[in-house]
PDB file of all heavy atoms in Angstrom:
ATOM      1  N   LEU A   1     -13.028 144.198 -25.200  1.00  0.00           N
ATOM      2  CA  LEU A   1     -12.021 145.131 -25.754  1.00  0.00           C
ATOM      3  C   LEU A   1     -11.236 145.639 -24.613  1.00  0.00           C
ATOM      4  O   LEU A   1     -11.728 146.206 -23.711  1.00  0.00           O
ATOM      5  CB  LEU A   1     -12.791 146.240 -26.511  1.00  0.00           C
ATOM      6  CG  LEU A   1     -13.472 145.945 -27.838  1.00  0.00           C
ATOM      7  CD1 LEU A   1     -14.862 145.277 -27.567  1.00  0.00           C
ATOM      8  CD2 LEU A   1     -13.681 147.137 -28.593  1.00  0.00           C
ATOM      9  N   THR A   2      -9.899 145.662 -24.774  1.00  0.00           N
ATOM     10  CA  THR A   2      -8.952 146.162 -23.814  1.00  0.00           C
ATOM     11  C   THR A   2      -7.882 146.887 -24.617  1.00  0.00           C
ATOM     12  O   THR A   2      -7.835 146.790 -25.810  1.00  0.00           O
ATOM     13  CB  THR A   2      -8.283 145.138 -22.871  1.00  0.00           C
ATOM     14  OG1 THR A   2      -7.345 144.338 -23.757  1.00  0.00           O
ATOM     15  CG2 THR A   2      -9.394 144.101 -22.388  1.00  0.00           C
ATOM     16  N   ASP A   3      -7.023 147.581 -23.916  1.00  0.00           N
ATOM     17  CA  ASP A   3      -5.869 148.181 -24.511  1.00  0.00           C
ATOM     18  C   ASP A   3      -4.769 147.062 -24.529  1.00  0.00           C
ATOM     19  O   ASP A   3      -5.108 145.910 -24.306  1.00  0.00           O
ATOM     20  CB  ASP A   3      -5.333 149.396 -23.808  1.00  0.00           C
ATOM     21  CG  ASP A   3      -5.062 149.112 -22.376  1.00  0.00           C
ATOM     22  OD1 ASP A   3      -4.779 147.962 -21.886  1.00  0.00           O
ATOM     23  OD2 ASP A   3      -4.848 150.104 -21.505  1.00  0.00           O
ATOM     24  N   GLY A   4      -3.567 147.352 -24.725  1.00  0.00           N
ATOM     25  CA  GLY A   4      -2.558 146.425 -24.952  1.00  0.00           C
ATOM     26  C   GLY A   4      -1.898 145.818 -23.742  1.00  0.00           C
ATOM     27  O   GLY A   4      -0.879 145.060 -23.779  1.00  0.00           O
ATOM     28  N   TRP A   5      -2.339 146.195 -22.483  1.00  0.00           N
ATOM     29  CA  TRP A   5      -1.790 145.675 -21.280  1.00  0.00           C
ATOM     30  C   TRP A   5      -1.839 144.248 -21.146  1.00  0.00           C
ATOM     31  O   TRP A   5      -2.901 143.560 -21.466  1.00  0.00           O
ATOM     32  CB  TRP A   5      -2.602 146.263 -20.129  1.00  0.00           C
ATOM     33  CG  TRP A   5      -2.164 145.952 -18.773  1.00  0.00           C
ATOM     34  CD1 TRP A   5      -2.850 145.191 -17.838  1.00  0.00           C
ATOM     35  CD2 TRP A   5      -0.885 146.197 -18.218  1.00  0.00           C
ATOM     36  NE1 TRP A   5      -2.088 145.012 -16.652  1.00  0.00           N
ATOM     37  CE2 TRP A   5      -0.791 145.615 -16.912  1.00  0.00           C
ATOM     38  CE3 TRP A   5       0.362 146.809 -18.647  1.00  0.00           C
ATOM     39  CZ2 TRP A   5       0.331 145.747 -16.065  1.00  0.00           C
ATOM     40  CZ3 TRP A   5       1.435 146.914 -17.874  1.00  0.00           C
ATOM     41  CH2 TRP A   5       1.442 146.370 -16.541  1.00  0.00           C
ATOM     42  N   GLY A   6      -0.708 143.561 -20.766  1.00  0.00           N
ATOM     43  CA  GLY A   6      -0.582 142.087 -20.791  1.00  0.00           C
ATOM     44  C   GLY A   6      -1.461 141.427 -19.669  1.00  0.00           C
ATOM     45  O   GLY A   6      -1.594 140.229 -19.720  1.00  0.00           O
ATOM     46  N   GLY A   7      -2.030 142.157 -18.770  1.00  0.00           N
ATOM     47  CA  GLY A   7      -2.758 141.526 -17.672  1.00  0.00           C
ATOM     48  C   GLY A   7      -4.039 140.845 -18.209  1.00  0.00           C
ATOM     49  O   GLY A   7      -4.607 139.957 -17.604  1.00  0.00           O
ATOM     50  N   TYR A   8      -4.402 141.212 -19.482  1.00  0.00           N
ATOM     51  CA  TYR A   8      -5.644 140.595 -20.038  1.00  0.00           C
ATOM     52  C   TYR A   8      -5.346 139.577 -21.013  1.00  0.00           C
ATOM     53  O   TYR A   8      -6.181 138.998 -21.764  1.00  0.00           O
ATOM     54  CB  TYR A   8      -6.439 141.704 -20.843  1.00  0.00           C
ATOM     55  CG  TYR A   8      -6.939 142.777 -19.860  1.00  0.00           C
ATOM     56  CD1 TYR A   8      -6.298 144.039 -19.890  1.00  0.00           C
ATOM     57  CD2 TYR A   8      -8.029 142.605 -19.031  1.00  0.00           C
ATOM     58  CE1 TYR A   8      -6.748 145.069 -19.036  1.00  0.00           C
ATOM     59  CE2 TYR A   8      -8.501 143.635 -18.205  1.00  0.00           C
ATOM     60  CZ  TYR A   8      -7.820 144.863 -18.229  1.00  0.00           C
ATOM     61  OH  TYR A   8      -8.205 145.928 -17.394  1.00  0.00           O
ATOM     62  N   ASN A   9      -4.158 139.135 -21.226  1.00  0.00           N
ATOM     63  CA  ASN A   9      -3.756 138.204 -22.411  1.00  0.00           C
ATOM     64  C   ASN A   9      -4.279 136.947 -22.301  1.00  0.00           C
ATOM     65  O   ASN A   9      -4.486 136.231 -23.285  1.00  0.00           O
ATOM     66  CB  ASN A   9      -2.136 138.103 -22.447  1.00  0.00           C
ATOM     67  CG  ASN A   9      -1.526 139.368 -23.013  1.00  0.00           C
ATOM     68  OD1 ASN A   9      -2.145 140.192 -23.533  1.00  0.00           O
ATOM     69  ND2 ASN A   9      -0.224 139.442 -22.822  1.00  0.00           N
ATOM     70  N   THR A  10      -4.693 136.406 -21.010  1.00  0.00           N
ATOM     71  CA  THR A  10      -5.099 134.995 -21.061  1.00  0.00           C
ATOM     72  C   THR A  10      -6.646 134.966 -21.209  1.00  0.00           C
ATOM     73  O   THR A  10      -7.180 133.889 -20.988  1.00  0.00           O
ATOM     74  CB  THR A  10      -4.849 134.453 -19.665  1.00  0.00           C
ATOM     75  OG1 THR A  10      -5.351 135.299 -18.564  1.00  0.00           O
ATOM     76  CG2 THR A  10      -3.286 134.473 -19.477  1.00  0.00           C
ATOM     77  N   LEU A  11      -7.274 136.035 -21.577  1.00  0.00           N
ATOM     78  CA  LEU A  11      -8.796 135.930 -21.672  1.00  0.00           C
ATOM     79  C   LEU A  11      -9.339 134.991 -22.700  1.00  0.00           C
ATOM     80  O   LEU A  11     -10.346 134.311 -22.418  1.00  0.00           O
ATOM     81  CB  LEU A  11      -9.405 137.399 -22.106  1.00  0.00           C
ATOM     82  CG  LEU A  11      -9.378 138.424 -20.927  1.00  0.00           C
ATOM     83  CD1 LEU A  11      -9.790 139.714 -21.434  1.00  0.00           C
ATOM     84  CD2 LEU A  11     -10.353 137.928 -19.751  1.00  0.00           C
ATOM     85  N   PRO A  12      -8.622 134.734 -23.814  1.00  0.00           N
ATOM     86  CA  PRO A  12      -9.097 133.728 -24.695  1.00  0.00           C
ATOM     87  C   PRO A  12      -9.144 132.305 -24.094  1.00  0.00           C
ATOM     88  O   PRO A  12      -9.952 131.468 -24.520  1.00  0.00           O
ATOM     89  CB  PRO A  12      -8.046 133.818 -25.813  1.00  0.00           C
ATOM     90  CG  PRO A  12      -7.545 135.230 -25.827  1.00  0.00           C
ATOM     91  CD  PRO A  12      -7.506 135.518 -24.398  1.00  0.00           C
ATOM     92  N   GLU A  13      -8.280 132.107 -23.083  1.00  0.00           N
ATOM     93  CA  GLU A  13      -8.327 130.800 -22.433  1.00  0.00           C
ATOM     94  C   GLU A  13      -9.575 130.527 -21.607  1.00  0.00           C
ATOM     95  O   GLU A  13      -9.947 129.446 -21.276  1.00  0.00           O
ATOM     96  CB  GLU A  13      -7.101 130.616 -21.380  1.00  0.00           C
ATOM     97  CG  GLU A  13      -5.768 130.753 -22.109  1.00  0.00           C
ATOM     98  CD  GLU A  13      -4.653 130.710 -21.127  1.00  0.00           C
ATOM     99  OE1 GLU A  13      -4.822 130.357 -19.984  1.00  0.00           O
ATOM    100  OE2 GLU A  13      -3.518 130.985 -21.521  1.00  0.00           O
ATOM    101  N   TYR A  14     -10.358 131.667 -21.404  1.00  0.00           N
ATOM    102  CA  TYR A  14     -11.566 131.601 -20.650  1.00  0.00           C
ATOM    103  C   TYR A  14     -12.827 131.775 -21.569  1.00  0.00           C
ATOM    104  O   TYR A  14     -13.920 132.136 -21.110  1.00  0.00           O
ATOM    105  CB  TYR A  14     -11.629 132.546 -19.474  1.00  0.00           C
ATOM    106  CG  TYR A  14     -10.559 132.313 -18.508  1.00  0.00           C
ATOM    107  CD1 TYR A  14      -9.218 132.791 -18.649  1.00  0.00           C
ATOM    108  CD2 TYR A  14     -10.749 131.513 -17.396  1.00  0.00           C
ATOM    109  CE1 TYR A  14      -8.292 132.530 -17.695  1.00  0.00           C
ATOM    110  CE2 TYR A  14      -9.766 131.198 -16.438  1.00  0.00           C
ATOM    111  CZ  TYR A  14      -8.499 131.814 -16.612  1.00  0.00           C
ATOM    112  OH  TYR A  14      -7.517 131.445 -15.753  1.00  0.00           O
ATOM    113  N   ASN A  15     -12.707 131.530 -22.951  1.00  0.00           N
ATOM    114  CA  ASN A  15     -13.659 131.489 -23.838  1.00  0.00           C
ATOM    115  C   ASN A  15     -14.294 132.895 -24.099  1.00  0.00           C
ATOM    116  O   ASN A  15     -15.383 133.098 -24.255  1.00  0.00           O
ATOM    117  CB  ASN A  15     -14.885 130.666 -23.519  1.00  0.00           C
ATOM    118  CG  ASN A  15     -14.474 129.175 -23.416  1.00  0.00           C
ATOM    119  OD1 ASN A  15     -13.757 128.685 -24.345  1.00  0.00           O
ATOM    120  ND2 ASN A  15     -14.955 128.446 -22.443  1.00  0.00           N
ATOM    121  N   TYR A  16     -13.282 133.941 -24.213  1.00  0.00           N
ATOM    122  CA  TYR A  16     -13.645 135.331 -24.574  1.00  0.00           C
ATOM    123  C   TYR A  16     -13.074 135.637 -25.811  1.00  0.00           C
ATOM    124  O   TYR A  16     -11.890 135.186 -26.133  1.00  0.00           O
ATOM    125  CB  TYR A  16     -13.244 136.392 -23.396  1.00  0.00           C
ATOM    126  CG  TYR A  16     -13.973 136.174 -22.170  1.00  0.00           C
ATOM    127  CD1 TYR A  16     -13.392 135.543 -21.036  1.00  0.00           C
ATOM    128  CD2 TYR A  16     -15.309 136.692 -22.031  1.00  0.00           C
ATOM    129  CE1 TYR A  16     -14.062 135.323 -19.868  1.00  0.00           C
ATOM    130  CE2 TYR A  16     -15.960 136.567 -20.799  1.00  0.00           C
ATOM    131  CZ  TYR A  16     -15.444 135.848 -19.726  1.00  0.00           C
ATOM    132  OH  TYR A  16     -16.108 135.749 -18.593  1.00  0.00           O
ATOM    133  N   ILE A  17     -13.705 136.427 -26.640  1.00  0.00           N
ATOM    134  CA  ILE A  17     -13.021 137.045 -27.821  1.00  0.00           C
ATOM    135  C   ILE A  17     -12.391 138.282 -27.413  1.00  0.00           C
ATOM    136  O   ILE A  17     -12.999 139.328 -27.038  1.00  0.00           O
ATOM    137  CB  ILE A  17     -14.075 137.315 -28.914  1.00  0.00           C
ATOM    138  CG1 ILE A  17     -14.956 136.064 -29.156  1.00  0.00           C
ATOM    139  CG2 ILE A  17     -13.478 137.859 -30.148  1.00  0.00           C
ATOM    140  CD1 ILE A  17     -16.254 136.333 -30.033  1.00  0.00           C
ATOM    141  N   HIS A  18     -11.044 138.163 -27.429  1.00  0.00           N
ATOM    142  CA  HIS A  18     -10.175 139.305 -26.872  1.00  0.00           C
ATOM    143  C   HIS A  18      -9.724 140.143 -28.033  1.00  0.00           C
ATOM    144  O   HIS A  18      -8.975 139.768 -28.913  1.00  0.00           O
ATOM    145  CB  HIS A  18      -9.062 138.813 -26.005  1.00  0.00           C
ATOM    146  CG  HIS A  18      -8.277 139.875 -25.383  1.00  0.00           C
ATOM    147  ND1 HIS A  18      -6.949 139.636 -25.005  1.00  0.00           N
ATOM    148  CD2 HIS A  18      -8.592 141.163 -25.045  1.00  0.00           C
ATOM    149  CE1 HIS A  18      -6.495 140.769 -24.421  1.00  0.00           C
ATOM    150  NE2 HIS A  18      -7.496 141.707 -24.525  1.00  0.00           N
ATOM    151  N   SER A  19     -10.269 141.482 -28.023  1.00  0.00           N
ATOM    152  CA  SER A  19      -9.821 142.404 -29.015  1.00  0.00           C
ATOM    153  C   SER A  19      -8.941 143.479 -28.391  1.00  0.00           C
ATOM    154  O   SER A  19      -9.414 144.150 -27.452  1.00  0.00           O
ATOM    155  CB  SER A  19     -10.980 143.038 -29.771  1.00  0.00           C
ATOM    156  OG  SER A  19     -11.828 142.091 -30.414  1.00  0.00           O
ATOM    157  N   LYS A  20      -7.738 143.608 -28.882  1.00  0.00           N
ATOM    158  CA  LYS A  20      -6.781 144.537 -28.201  1.00  0.00           C
ATOM    159  C   LYS A  20      -6.856 145.794 -29.127  1.00  0.00           C
ATOM    160  O   LYS A  20      -6.816 145.867 -30.326  1.00  0.00           O
ATOM    161  CB  LYS A  20      -5.387 144.094 -28.236  1.00  0.00           C
ATOM    162  CG  LYS A  20      -5.125 142.915 -27.191  1.00  0.00           C
ATOM    163  CD  LYS A  20      -3.746 142.510 -27.177  1.00  0.00           C
ATOM    164  CE  LYS A  20      -3.461 141.400 -26.207  1.00  0.00           C
ATOM    165  NZ  LYS A  20      -2.059 141.031 -26.150  1.00  0.00           N
ATOM    166  N   ILE A  21      -6.843 146.875 -28.388  1.00  0.00           N
ATOM    167  CA  ILE A  21      -6.631 148.253 -29.069  1.00  0.00           C
ATOM    168  C   ILE A  21      -5.307 148.921 -28.654  1.00  0.00           C
ATOM    169  O   ILE A  21      -5.167 149.244 -27.456  1.00  0.00           O
ATOM    170  CB  ILE A  21      -7.839 149.249 -28.689  1.00  0.00           C
ATOM    171  CG1 ILE A  21      -9.115 148.617 -29.084  1.00  0.00           C
ATOM    172  CG2 ILE A  21      -7.671 150.556 -29.297  1.00  0.00           C
ATOM    173  CD1 ILE A  21     -10.469 149.363 -28.667  1.00  0.00           C
ATOM    174  N   ILE A  22      -4.310 148.961 -29.521  1.00  0.00           N
ATOM    175  CA  ILE A  22      -3.065 149.363 -29.061  1.00  0.00           C
ATOM    176  C   ILE A  22      -3.025 150.847 -29.349  1.00  0.00           C
ATOM    177  O   ILE A  22      -2.999 151.464 -30.349  1.00  0.00           O
ATOM    178  CB  ILE A  22      -1.948 148.750 -29.979  1.00  0.00           C
ATOM    179  CG1 ILE A  22      -2.138 147.216 -30.019  1.00  0.00           C
ATOM    180  CG2 ILE A  22      -0.646 149.195 -29.461  1.00  0.00           C
ATOM    181  CD1 ILE A  22      -1.926 146.575 -28.618  1.00  0.00           C
ATOM    182  N   LEU A  23      -3.152 151.567 -28.140  1.00  0.00           N
ATOM    183  CA  LEU A  23      -3.247 153.073 -28.054  1.00  0.00           C
ATOM    184  C   LEU A  23      -2.027 153.692 -28.613  1.00  0.00           C
ATOM    185  O   LEU A  23      -2.106 154.809 -29.342  1.00  0.00           O
ATOM    186  CB  LEU A  23      -3.570 153.521 -26.670  1.00  0.00           C
ATOM    187  CG  LEU A  23      -4.699 152.852 -25.952  1.00  0.00           C
ATOM    188  CD1 LEU A  23      -4.928 153.451 -24.548  1.00  0.00           C
ATOM    189  CD2 LEU A  23      -6.073 153.193 -26.853  1.00  0.00           C
ATOM    190  N   SER A  24      -0.823 153.171 -28.272  1.00  0.00           N
ATOM    191  CA  SER A  24       0.405 153.924 -28.697  1.00  0.00           C
ATOM    192  C   SER A  24       0.615 153.946 -30.127  1.00  0.00           C
ATOM    193  O   SER A  24       1.284 154.857 -30.750  1.00  0.00           O
ATOM    194  CB  SER A  24       1.667 153.227 -28.044  1.00  0.00           C
ATOM    195  OG  SER A  24       1.673 151.865 -28.293  1.00  0.00           O
ATOM    196  N   SER A  25       0.094 152.917 -30.965  1.00  0.00           N
ATOM    197  CA  SER A  25       0.219 152.935 -32.302  1.00  0.00           C
ATOM    198  C   SER A  25      -0.838 153.583 -33.150  1.00  0.00           C
ATOM    199  O   SER A  25      -0.846 153.574 -34.350  1.00  0.00           O
ATOM    200  CB  SER A  25       0.365 151.425 -32.772  1.00  0.00           C
ATOM    201  OG  SER A  25      -0.725 150.744 -32.516  1.00  0.00           O
ATOM    202  N   SER A  26      -1.770 154.179 -32.378  1.00  0.00           N
ATOM    203  CA  SER A  26      -2.851 154.870 -33.106  1.00  0.00           C
ATOM    204  C   SER A  26      -2.685 156.374 -33.023  1.00  0.00           C
ATOM    205  O   SER A  26      -2.122 156.896 -32.033  1.00  0.00           O
ATOM    206  CB  SER A  26      -4.120 154.466 -32.455  1.00  0.00           C
ATOM    207  OG  SER A  26      -5.341 155.158 -32.970  1.00  0.00           O
ATOM    208  N   GLY A  27      -3.198 157.015 -33.995  1.00  0.00           N
ATOM    209  CA  GLY A  27      -3.180 158.526 -33.954  1.00  0.00           C
ATOM    210  C   GLY A  27      -4.404 159.142 -33.145  1.00  0.00           C
ATOM    211  O   GLY A  27      -4.357 160.243 -32.986  1.00  0.00           O
ATOM    212  N   ASP A  28      -5.273 158.282 -32.675  1.00  0.00           N
ATOM    213  CA  ASP A  28      -6.386 158.811 -31.898  1.00  0.00           C
ATOM    214  C   ASP A  28      -6.159 158.735 -30.408  1.00  0.00           C
ATOM    215  O   ASP A  28      -5.492 157.811 -29.952  1.00  0.00           O
ATOM    216  CB  ASP A  28      -7.674 157.953 -32.245  1.00  0.00           C
ATOM    217  CG  ASP A  28      -8.146 158.105 -33.694  1.00  0.00           C
ATOM    218  OD1 ASP A  28      -8.019 159.217 -34.187  1.00  0.00           O
ATOM    219  OD2 ASP A  28      -8.516 157.170 -34.289  1.00  0.00           O
ATOM    220  N   PRO A  29      -6.696 159.678 -29.669  1.00  0.00           N
ATOM    221  CA  PRO A  29      -6.513 159.621 -28.233  1.00  0.00           C
ATOM    222  C   PRO A  29      -7.405 158.464 -27.573  1.00  0.00           C
ATOM    223  O   PRO A  29      -8.234 157.943 -28.216  1.00  0.00           O
ATOM    224  CB  PRO A  29      -7.077 160.930 -27.768  1.00  0.00           C
ATOM    225  CG  PRO A  29      -7.981 161.417 -28.839  1.00  0.00           C
ATOM    226  CD  PRO A  29      -7.452 160.830 -30.150  1.00  0.00           C
ATOM    227  N   ALA A  30      -6.958 158.130 -26.371  1.00  0.00           N
ATOM    228  CA  ALA A  30      -7.559 157.007 -25.702  1.00  0.00           C
ATOM    229  C   ALA A  30      -9.125 157.074 -25.525  1.00  0.00           C
ATOM    230  O   ALA A  30      -9.810 156.177 -25.672  1.00  0.00           O
ATOM    231  CB  ALA A  30      -6.937 156.812 -24.344  1.00  0.00           C
ATOM    232  N   HIS A  31      -9.531 158.319 -25.290  1.00  0.00           N
ATOM    233  CA  HIS A  31     -11.009 158.452 -25.111  1.00  0.00           C
ATOM    234  C   HIS A  31     -11.886 158.329 -26.385  1.00  0.00           C
ATOM    235  O   HIS A  31     -13.129 158.095 -26.313  1.00  0.00           O
ATOM    236  CB  HIS A  31     -11.319 159.822 -24.384  1.00  0.00           C
ATOM    237  CG  HIS A  31     -11.189 161.059 -25.393  1.00  0.00           C
ATOM    238  ND1 HIS A  31      -9.960 161.605 -25.466  1.00  0.00           N
ATOM    239  CD2 HIS A  31     -12.055 161.641 -26.215  1.00  0.00           C
ATOM    240  CE1 HIS A  31     -10.043 162.678 -26.311  1.00  0.00           C
ATOM    241  NE2 HIS A  31     -11.260 162.649 -26.863  1.00  0.00           N
ATOM    242  N   VAL A  32     -11.157 158.353 -27.510  1.00  0.00           N
ATOM    243  CA  VAL A  32     -11.826 158.132 -28.772  1.00  0.00           C
ATOM    244  C   VAL A  32     -11.911 156.599 -29.144  1.00  0.00           C
ATOM    245  O   VAL A  32     -12.870 156.073 -29.585  1.00  0.00           O
ATOM    246  CB  VAL A  32     -11.141 158.950 -29.993  1.00  0.00           C
ATOM    247  CG1 VAL A  32     -11.726 158.532 -31.272  1.00  0.00           C
ATOM    248  CG2 VAL A  32     -11.342 160.407 -29.656  1.00  0.00           C
ATOM    249  N   LEU A  33     -10.759 155.930 -28.763  1.00  0.00           N
ATOM    250  CA  LEU A  33     -10.668 154.553 -29.169  1.00  0.00           C
ATOM    251  C   LEU A  33     -11.395 153.664 -28.171  1.00  0.00           C
ATOM    252  O   LEU A  33     -11.950 152.627 -28.467  1.00  0.00           O
ATOM    253  CB  LEU A  33      -9.117 154.102 -29.088  1.00  0.00           C
ATOM    254  CG  LEU A  33      -8.261 154.781 -30.248  1.00  0.00           C
ATOM    255  CD1 LEU A  33      -6.867 154.463 -29.956  1.00  0.00           C
ATOM    256  CD2 LEU A  33      -8.795 154.344 -31.551  1.00  0.00           C
ATOM    257  N   MET A  34     -11.480 154.072 -26.907  1.00  0.00           N
ATOM    258  CA  MET A  34     -12.235 153.323 -25.876  1.00  0.00           C
ATOM    259  C   MET A  34     -13.072 154.336 -25.136  1.00  0.00           C
ATOM    260  O   MET A  34     -12.856 154.651 -23.963  1.00  0.00           O
ATOM    261  CB  MET A  34     -11.263 152.655 -24.916  1.00  0.00           C
ATOM    262  CG  MET A  34     -10.371 151.638 -25.599  1.00  0.00           C
ATOM    263  SD  MET A  34      -9.360 150.651 -24.460  1.00  0.00           S
ATOM    264  CE  MET A  34     -10.610 149.699 -23.592  1.00  0.00           C
ATOM    265  N   PRO A  35     -14.155 154.787 -25.789  1.00  0.00           N
ATOM    266  CA  PRO A  35     -14.972 155.794 -25.202  1.00  0.00           C
ATOM    267  C   PRO A  35     -15.779 155.419 -23.872  1.00  0.00           C
ATOM    268  O   PRO A  35     -16.045 156.321 -23.047  1.00  0.00           O
ATOM    269  CB  PRO A  35     -15.901 156.295 -26.362  1.00  0.00           C
ATOM    270  CG  PRO A  35     -16.041 155.066 -27.155  1.00  0.00           C
ATOM    271  CD  PRO A  35     -14.671 154.349 -27.063  1.00  0.00           C
ATOM    272  N   GLY A  36     -16.229 154.180 -23.877  1.00  0.00           N
ATOM    273  CA  GLY A  36     -17.037 153.674 -22.782  1.00  0.00           C
ATOM    274  C   GLY A  36     -16.303 153.750 -21.444  1.00  0.00           C
ATOM    275  O   GLY A  36     -16.918 154.477 -20.498  1.00  0.00           O
ATOM    276  N   VAL A  37     -15.315 153.176 -21.292  1.00  0.00           N
ATOM    277  CA  VAL A  37     -14.528 153.216 -19.966  1.00  0.00           C
ATOM    278  C   VAL A  37     -14.076 154.570 -19.649  1.00  0.00           C
ATOM    279  O   VAL A  37     -14.057 154.931 -18.492  1.00  0.00           O
ATOM    280  CB  VAL A  37     -13.386 152.174 -19.955  1.00  0.00           C
ATOM    281  CG1 VAL A  37     -13.832 150.814 -19.954  1.00  0.00           C
ATOM    282  CG2 VAL A  37     -12.478 152.432 -21.135  1.00  0.00           C
ATOM    283  N   HIS A  38     -13.654 155.391 -20.608  1.00  0.00           N
ATOM    284  CA  HIS A  38     -13.175 156.709 -20.188  1.00  0.00           C
ATOM    285  C   HIS A  38     -14.365 157.597 -19.809  1.00  0.00           C
ATOM    286  O   HIS A  38     -14.187 158.470 -18.907  1.00  0.00           O
ATOM    287  CB  HIS A  38     -12.408 157.272 -21.416  1.00  0.00           C
ATOM    288  CG  HIS A  38     -11.076 156.711 -21.627  1.00  0.00           C
ATOM    289  ND1 HIS A  38     -10.794 155.536 -22.315  1.00  0.00           N
ATOM    290  CD2 HIS A  38      -9.789 157.118 -21.042  1.00  0.00           C
ATOM    291  CE1 HIS A  38      -9.533 155.299 -22.303  1.00  0.00           C
ATOM    292  NE2 HIS A  38      -8.935 156.166 -21.512  1.00  0.00           N
ATOM    293  N   ARG A  39     -15.500 157.398 -20.445  1.00  0.00           N
ATOM    294  CA  ARG A  39     -16.635 158.213 -19.962  1.00  0.00           C
ATOM    295  C   ARG A  39     -17.095 157.784 -18.544  1.00  0.00           C
ATOM    296  O   ARG A  39     -17.431 158.690 -17.746  1.00  0.00           O
ATOM    297  CB  ARG A  39     -17.771 157.984 -21.000  1.00  0.00           C
ATOM    298  CG  ARG A  39     -19.142 158.644 -20.512  1.00  0.00           C
ATOM    299  CD  ARG A  39     -19.087 160.139 -20.583  1.00  0.00           C
ATOM    300  NE  ARG A  39     -18.892 160.505 -22.006  1.00  0.00           N
ATOM    301  CZ  ARG A  39     -19.922 160.618 -22.869  1.00  0.00           C
ATOM    302  NH1 ARG A  39     -21.170 160.345 -22.576  1.00  0.00           N
ATOM    303  NH2 ARG A  39     -19.618 161.048 -24.113  1.00  0.00           N
ATOM    304  N   ILE A  40     -17.081 156.546 -18.281  1.00  0.00           N
ATOM    305  CA  ILE A  40     -17.473 156.050 -16.971  1.00  0.00           C
ATOM    306  C   ILE A  40     -16.541 156.558 -15.917  1.00  0.00           C
ATOM    307  O   ILE A  40     -16.820 157.011 -14.850  1.00  0.00           O
ATOM    308  CB  ILE A  40     -17.513 154.562 -16.907  1.00  0.00           C
ATOM    309  CG1 ILE A  40     -18.614 153.974 -17.931  1.00  0.00           C
ATOM    310  CG2 ILE A  40     -17.827 154.042 -15.485  1.00  0.00           C
ATOM    311  CD1 ILE A  40     -20.022 154.543 -17.605  1.00  0.00           C
TER     312      ILE A  40
END
């Protein structure tokens, strides 16, 4: 799971299931949508 940054776009080519969370289009803050990395 990543945000919409393009640096991760090629992950599917390496056999990963890439799920994007577009923060700008969501009404929730980043720490709610991606709690793990923000907590760390």
